[in-house]
Each structure stands twice: as C-alpha cells, then as structure tokens.
Protein backbone atom coordinates (compact mmCIF):
# COMPACT_ATOMS: atom_id res chain seq x y z
CA UNK A 1 9.68 -5.03 21.84
CA UNK A 2 6.01 -4.76 22.27
CA UNK A 3 4.15 -5.93 25.24
CA UNK A 4 0.77 -6.33 23.54
CA UNK A 5 1.94 -6.46 19.86
CA UNK A 6 4.04 -9.34 19.01
CA UNK A 7 6.55 -7.08 17.20
CA UNK A 8 10.18 -6.36 17.79
CA UNK A 9 12.18 -3.65 15.76
CA UNK A 10 15.87 -3.15 15.08
CA UNK A 11 17.86 -0.26 14.07
CA UNK A 12 19.69 -0.37 10.71
CA UNK A 13 21.51 2.73 9.67
CA UNK A 14 21.46 4.54 6.23
CA UNK A 15 25.18 3.42 5.66
CA UNK A 16 24.31 -0.24 6.31
CA UNK A 17 21.38 -0.01 3.88
CA UNK A 18 23.68 1.46 1.22
CA UNK A 19 26.24 -1.26 1.87
CA UNK A 20 23.68 -3.92 1.06
CA UNK A 21 21.96 -1.87 -1.69
CA UNK A 22 18.49 -1.86 -0.05
CA UNK A 23 15.79 0.77 0.21
CA UNK A 24 13.31 0.77 3.01
CA UNK A 25 9.69 1.45 2.81
CA UNK A 26 9.27 5.11 2.86
CA UNK A 27 5.46 5.33 3.11
CA UNK A 28 4.80 6.22 6.68
CA UNK A 29 2.83 5.94 9.04
CA UNK A 30 1.59 2.37 8.63
CA UNK A 31 -2.02 2.05 7.56
CA UNK A 32 -3.96 -1.06 8.40
CA UNK A 33 -7.19 -1.83 6.54
CA UNK A 34 -9.85 0.73 7.78
CA UNK A 35 -12.50 -2.08 8.06
CA UNK A 36 -13.10 -5.75 7.50
CA UNK A 37 -13.05 -7.49 4.24
CA UNK A 38 -10.37 -5.35 2.66
CA UNK A 39 -7.64 -6.58 0.33
CA UNK A 40 -4.10 -6.95 1.54
CA UNK A 41 -0.79 -8.48 0.21
CA UNK A 42 1.39 -10.61 2.25
CA UNK A 43 4.76 -12.54 2.06
CA UNK A 44 7.26 -14.53 4.02
CA UNK A 45 9.48 -17.44 4.01
CA UNK A 46 7.82 -20.64 5.40
CA UNK A 47 10.08 -23.00 7.30
CA UNK A 48 9.09 -25.98 5.26
CA UNK A 49 10.42 -24.32 2.10
CA UNK A 50 14.14 -24.04 3.42
CA UNK A 51 16.44 -26.01 1.28
CA UNK A 52 19.92 -26.71 2.51
CA UNK A 53 22.27 -26.19 -0.31
CA UNK A 54 25.46 -26.84 1.52
CA UNK A 55 26.91 -26.74 5.14
CA UNK A 56 26.63 -22.94 5.26
CA UNK A 57 24.11 -22.16 2.32
CA UNK A 58 20.27 -22.34 2.35
CA UNK A 59 17.60 -21.29 -0.09
CA UNK A 60 14.46 -19.69 1.31
CA UNK A 61 11.36 -20.32 -0.67
CA UNK A 62 9.03 -17.34 -0.84
CA UNK A 63 5.36 -17.43 -0.16
CA UNK A 64 3.38 -14.51 -1.51
CA UNK A 65 -0.27 -14.06 -1.78
CA UNK A 66 -3.13 -11.71 -1.79
CA UNK A 67 -5.71 -12.07 1.04
CA UNK A 68 -8.83 -10.61 2.53
CA UNK A 69 -8.46 -8.90 6.05
CA UNK A 70 -11.53 -10.55 7.56
CA UNK A 71 -11.19 -9.25 10.95
CA UNK A 72 -9.38 -6.01 11.90
CA UNK A 73 -9.23 -5.40 15.61
CA UNK A 74 -7.38 -2.59 17.43
CA UNK A 75 -4.21 -4.61 17.50
CA UNK A 76 -4.37 -7.49 15.01
CA UNK A 77 -5.43 -8.49 11.49
CA UNK A 78 -6.83 -11.90 10.45
CA UNK A 79 -6.23 -12.58 6.78
CA UNK A 80 -7.59 -15.36 4.67
CA UNK A 81 -5.73 -16.38 1.78
CA UNK A 82 -7.47 -15.90 -1.65
CA UNK A 83 -6.43 -19.04 -3.56
CA UNK A 84 -7.12 -17.46 -6.94
CA UNK A 85 -4.27 -15.03 -6.26
CA UNK A 86 -1.61 -17.17 -4.71
CA UNK A 87 1.89 -17.01 -6.25
CA UNK A 88 3.44 -20.40 -7.00
CA UNK A 89 6.93 -21.29 -5.50
CA UNK A 90 9.42 -22.39 -8.10
CA UNK A 91 10.78 -25.12 -5.76
CA UNK A 92 7.29 -26.72 -5.55
CA UNK A 93 6.73 -26.38 -9.18
CA UNK A 94 3.45 -24.52 -8.69
CA UNK A 95 1.01 -23.63 -6.04
CA UNK A 96 1.24 -24.92 -2.61
CA UNK A 97 -1.70 -27.09 -1.35
CA UNK A 98 -4.52 -25.65 0.54
CA UNK A 99 -3.83 -25.83 4.26
CA UNK A 100 -0.17 -25.29 3.52
CA UNK A 101 1.98 -25.01 6.67
CA UNK A 102 2.92 -21.33 6.81
CA UNK A 103 5.04 -21.65 9.96
CA UNK A 104 8.11 -19.61 9.90
CA UNK A 105 6.60 -16.55 8.12
CA UNK A 106 6.64 -14.57 11.38
CA UNK A 107 8.06 -11.05 10.74
CA UNK A 108 6.88 -10.94 7.22
CA UNK A 109 5.12 -7.88 5.92
CA UNK A 110 1.32 -7.41 5.15
CA UNK A 111 0.50 -4.44 3.12
CA UNK A 112 -3.02 -2.71 2.65
CA UNK A 113 -4.27 -2.38 -0.99
CA UNK A 114 -5.32 1.26 -1.27
CA UNK A 115 -6.64 3.05 -4.16
CA UNK A 116 -7.53 6.79 -4.04
CA UNK A 117 -8.26 8.97 -7.05
CA UNK A 118 -7.04 6.21 -9.47
CA UNK A 119 -3.68 5.87 -7.54
CA UNK A 120 -2.75 2.48 -5.94
CA UNK A 121 -0.57 2.45 -2.84
CA UNK A 122 0.50 -0.31 -0.54
CA UNK A 123 1.20 1.00 3.01
CA UNK A 124 2.48 -1.51 5.53
CA UNK A 125 -0.51 -2.81 7.46
CA UNK A 126 0.91 -5.46 9.83
CA UNK A 127 3.67 -7.84 10.59
CA UNK A 128 2.89 -11.52 10.44
CA UNK A 129 2.91 -13.21 13.82
CA UNK A 130 1.08 -16.51 13.29
CA UNK A 131 -0.28 -18.82 10.47
CA UNK A 132 -3.48 -21.08 10.87
CA UNK A 133 -2.92 -23.59 8.00
CA UNK A 134 -6.19 -25.42 8.64
CA UNK A 135 -8.09 -22.35 7.75
CA UNK A 136 -5.51 -20.89 5.41
CA UNK A 137 -5.38 -17.75 7.58
CA UNK A 138 -2.50 -15.51 8.62
CA UNK A 139 -2.55 -13.38 11.75
CA UNK A 140 -0.66 -10.18 11.75
CA UNK A 141 -0.08 -7.63 14.40
CA UNK A 142 -0.99 -4.22 13.23
CA UNK A 143 1.90 -2.07 12.15
CA UNK A 144 0.66 1.19 13.39
CA UNK A 145 2.09 -0.07 16.82
CA UNK A 146 5.39 0.86 15.40
CA UNK A 147 6.43 4.51 15.83
CA UNK A 148 8.59 6.28 13.37
CA UNK A 149 11.61 6.04 15.70
CA UNK A 150 11.13 2.18 15.79
CA UNK A 151 9.79 1.97 19.41
CA UNK A 152 6.56 0.11 20.10
CA UNK A 153 3.54 1.88 21.60
CA UNK A 154 1.83 -0.17 24.33
C-alpha cells in the first residue's frame, strides 16, 4: 500500500491468471501523460450501476470514456470527461447524464493515449481514486508509483 499514492497492489500468479483465462497488461513501466491537456482513456464500475440479479449475483455496469488529463502533478492526474466520446451503458439505454455519480470506480485504470511514428499505444497512466461528478472529473493516482514487483514507492 502507498502512503502518498492511494494505491494498493495484490499478487496474482501466472497459474491463477491461466485458470481464469486473463492476460495482464504487459506494457511496463507505466507512463502517465507527459504534460497537461493530454488524452487518456478510463473505465470503471460505478456503484450506482450495480444491479442485483439474485441473492448471490450482481451485474456491474461499465463506465468507459476518453478524457483530457487537465492537470498532471508529480503524484496525480485530474481528468475531465470528454462528453463527445463517452460510451453509453446498455442498462441505462444510452449515455449517462452530465454530472453522473462515478463513485465506486476507484481502482479502475486510466490509460495514456500515445502516438509515436504512426503507432498508437495505451500505457497505464493511473489508478482511479476519486470522482467529482459536479465537474465531470476523475482523479487518478499516477501508476508510476507502482514498481514492477508490485511494491509502491513513497
């Protein structure tokens, strides 16, 4: 767990990943935007979109959007949602309203949009730690606090 960054990591073995047929992000190290006003992609599962299907079953609605990293500091990103590029949630029948409650998305990824020599890449930029629905803003702690072994630098 981090003391400055609001990030915690956990260890998942290769065998566990094979069991659930998942492939982790292999692009390392994380690369936050190199300046303000840079494009990012973000996603998460807002608490308001959890639908109980049964006593032990729930459905999690996905919120995915592109945003602009308005402010990049040494330890956080402030990302404003670009409404022209928000993906609608099927459960809502379309796009969420402006000022949508993004609470519960903590832990979701934020990816930097990079283009070099005509090749796009999407390195991990941050980990969502807070939402500000009144300003359609997502706050993320920079992922470069995470070392390759999963420990968090202070």
